[in-house]
């Protein structure tokens, strides 16, 4: 075997389909586009979800509810999870920035502390929102709560 006798594997190279090169090519005439109509013209592109003039599915289905533009989504952290974070990362002051640095929340997430579970030590918390039960539990252990 030498360089001049190398050939591609059988079936690995396909010839390009040459359209509109005369009747003898077998792809002349209508050039694989069928006869007349909008789809045979150049520049044709159908809109997304266009169903040939029939009412599209997304318009046939009923709409329900609405998206509140003023909704505030919080990342919820319960007291037991707060204790785990304090123990694992050795934090005495837990803030949104500290949670972001330790990859617990994303950069623009807002944090809310809820009162499920128990704390065993004092924790200073600086977050966006705190439930009343969580606030009393944190302050009873000697910690403090600051709202951002």
Protein backbone atom coordinates (compact mmCIF):
# COMPACT_ATOMS: atom_id res chain seq x y z
CA UNK A 1 0.00 0.00 0.00
CA UNK A 2 1.34 3.40 -0.98
CA UNK A 3 -0.01 6.95 -0.88
CA UNK A 4 -1.09 6.95 -4.51
CA UNK A 5 -3.34 3.88 -4.11
CA UNK A 6 -5.23 5.11 -0.99
CA UNK A 7 -8.97 5.49 -1.51
CA UNK A 8 -11.79 6.31 0.93
CA UNK A 9 -13.79 3.43 2.41
CA UNK A 10 -16.74 2.37 0.25
CA UNK A 11 -19.85 4.35 1.23
CA UNK A 12 -17.97 6.99 3.24
CA UNK A 13 -17.96 9.64 0.49
CA UNK A 14 -21.26 10.75 -1.04
CA UNK A 15 -21.67 12.91 -4.13
CA UNK A 16 -23.35 16.28 -3.64
CA UNK A 17 -26.91 16.46 -5.03
CA UNK A 18 -26.67 18.86 -7.99
CA UNK A 19 -30.07 20.45 -8.46
CA UNK A 20 -31.31 22.44 -11.47
CA UNK A 21 -28.60 21.35 -13.92
CA UNK A 22 -30.84 20.23 -16.78
CA UNK A 23 -33.21 17.35 -17.51
CA UNK A 24 -30.39 14.84 -18.00
CA UNK A 25 -29.39 15.12 -14.35
CA UNK A 26 -32.80 13.79 -13.25
CA UNK A 27 -33.18 16.86 -11.03
CA UNK A 28 -34.00 19.51 -13.61
CA UNK A 29 -37.45 20.96 -14.31
CA UNK A 30 -38.97 21.63 -10.89
CA UNK A 31 -35.63 20.96 -9.14
CA UNK A 32 -37.05 18.65 -6.44
CA UNK A 33 -39.54 21.33 -5.29
CA UNK A 34 -42.73 19.85 -6.70
CA UNK A 35 -45.08 22.00 -8.80
CA UNK A 36 -45.85 25.69 -8.20
CA UNK A 37 -47.16 27.00 -4.87
CA UNK A 38 -45.54 29.07 -2.15
CA UNK A 39 -43.12 26.35 -1.03
CA UNK A 40 -41.57 26.09 -4.49
CA UNK A 41 -40.57 29.79 -4.60
CA UNK A 42 -37.22 31.15 -3.52
CA UNK A 43 -37.07 32.92 -0.16
CA UNK A 44 -39.95 30.91 1.31
CA UNK A 45 -39.85 30.38 5.07
CA UNK A 46 -42.86 29.36 7.13
CA UNK A 47 -43.56 30.99 10.49
CA UNK A 48 -43.05 28.87 13.58
CA UNK A 49 -46.27 26.98 14.44
CA UNK A 50 -47.88 27.92 11.09
CA UNK A 51 -50.50 25.30 10.23
CA UNK A 52 -51.47 26.36 6.71
CA UNK A 53 -53.98 28.96 7.83
CA UNK A 54 -55.71 26.66 10.33
CA UNK A 55 -55.91 28.20 13.81
CA UNK A 56 -52.58 27.22 15.46
CA UNK A 57 -52.58 24.92 18.47
CA UNK A 58 -51.27 27.52 20.92
CA UNK A 59 -54.19 29.80 19.97
CA UNK A 60 -56.79 27.01 20.20
CA UNK A 61 -55.89 26.08 23.77
CA UNK A 62 -57.45 28.06 26.64
CA UNK A 63 -55.28 30.39 28.68
CA UNK A 64 -55.31 30.28 32.50
CA UNK A 65 -53.86 32.46 35.24
CA UNK A 66 -51.21 35.13 34.90
CA UNK A 67 -47.57 35.77 35.73
CA UNK A 68 -47.23 38.32 38.51
CA UNK A 69 -44.50 40.77 37.44
CA UNK A 70 -43.99 41.84 41.07
CA UNK A 71 -43.41 38.33 42.47
CA UNK A 72 -40.28 37.93 44.58
CA UNK A 73 -38.76 34.44 44.57
CA UNK A 74 -36.71 33.49 47.61
CA UNK A 75 -34.28 30.65 48.14
CA UNK A 76 -35.64 29.08 51.32
CA UNK A 77 -33.23 27.96 54.04
CA UNK A 78 -34.62 26.31 57.16
CA UNK A 79 -32.98 26.48 60.59
CA UNK A 80 -31.64 22.91 60.42
CA UNK A 81 -30.01 23.64 57.05
CA UNK A 82 -28.60 26.87 58.55
CA UNK A 83 -26.99 24.79 61.31
CA UNK A 84 -25.52 22.38 58.71
CA UNK A 85 -24.05 25.30 56.74
CA UNK A 86 -22.57 26.81 59.91
CA UNK A 87 -20.95 23.49 60.89
CA UNK A 88 -19.72 22.55 57.41
CA UNK A 89 -18.18 25.89 56.42
CA UNK A 90 -17.32 27.18 59.91
CA UNK A 91 -19.24 30.42 59.53
CA UNK A 92 -20.33 32.51 62.53
CA UNK A 93 -21.90 35.24 60.36
CA UNK A 94 -24.11 33.91 57.58
CA UNK A 95 -24.94 36.44 54.86
CA UNK A 96 -26.15 36.23 51.27
CA UNK A 97 -22.57 37.00 50.13
CA UNK A 98 -21.15 34.16 52.27
CA UNK A 99 -23.77 31.76 50.91
CA UNK A 100 -22.85 32.79 47.35
CA UNK A 101 -19.11 32.30 48.00
CA UNK A 102 -19.79 28.78 49.26
CA UNK A 103 -21.99 28.03 46.21
CA UNK A 104 -25.20 27.51 48.16
CA UNK A 105 -27.09 30.21 46.25
CA UNK A 106 -26.64 32.00 42.91
CA UNK A 107 -25.46 35.60 42.62
CA UNK A 108 -28.82 37.41 42.40
CA UNK A 109 -30.87 35.04 44.60
CA UNK A 110 -32.78 36.44 47.56
CA UNK A 111 -32.65 34.38 50.76
CA UNK A 112 -35.42 33.74 53.28
CA UNK A 113 -34.90 31.90 56.57
CA UNK A 114 -37.77 29.71 57.78
CA UNK A 115 -38.27 28.19 61.22
CA UNK A 116 -38.27 24.45 60.46
CA UNK A 117 -35.71 22.53 62.54
CA UNK A 118 -33.55 23.65 65.45
CA UNK A 119 -30.37 25.62 66.04
CA UNK A 120 -27.80 24.41 68.56
CA UNK A 121 -25.52 27.49 68.56
CA UNK A 122 -25.73 31.25 68.08
CA UNK A 123 -25.69 32.49 64.48
CA UNK A 124 -25.61 36.03 63.11
CA UNK A 125 -27.77 36.10 59.99
CA UNK A 126 -27.93 38.81 57.32
CA UNK A 127 -30.51 37.93 54.66
CA UNK A 128 -33.42 39.39 52.66
CA UNK A 129 -36.35 37.93 54.69
CA UNK A 130 -36.96 35.94 57.87
CA UNK A 131 -40.11 34.32 59.23
CA UNK A 132 -41.25 35.31 62.73
CA UNK A 133 -40.64 31.81 64.17
CA UNK A 134 -37.12 31.69 62.69
CA UNK A 135 -36.29 35.13 64.09
CA UNK A 136 -37.35 34.19 67.62
CA UNK A 137 -35.43 30.89 67.41
CA UNK A 138 -32.23 32.60 66.24
CA UNK A 139 -32.45 35.37 68.85
CA UNK A 140 -33.25 32.89 71.67
CA UNK A 141 -29.90 31.15 70.99
CA UNK A 142 -28.07 34.51 71.25
CA UNK A 143 -27.80 35.22 67.53
CA UNK A 144 -28.92 38.29 65.61
CA UNK A 145 -30.99 38.87 62.47
CA UNK A 146 -30.32 41.69 60.00
CA UNK A 147 -32.51 42.30 56.96
CA UNK A 148 -30.86 43.45 53.72
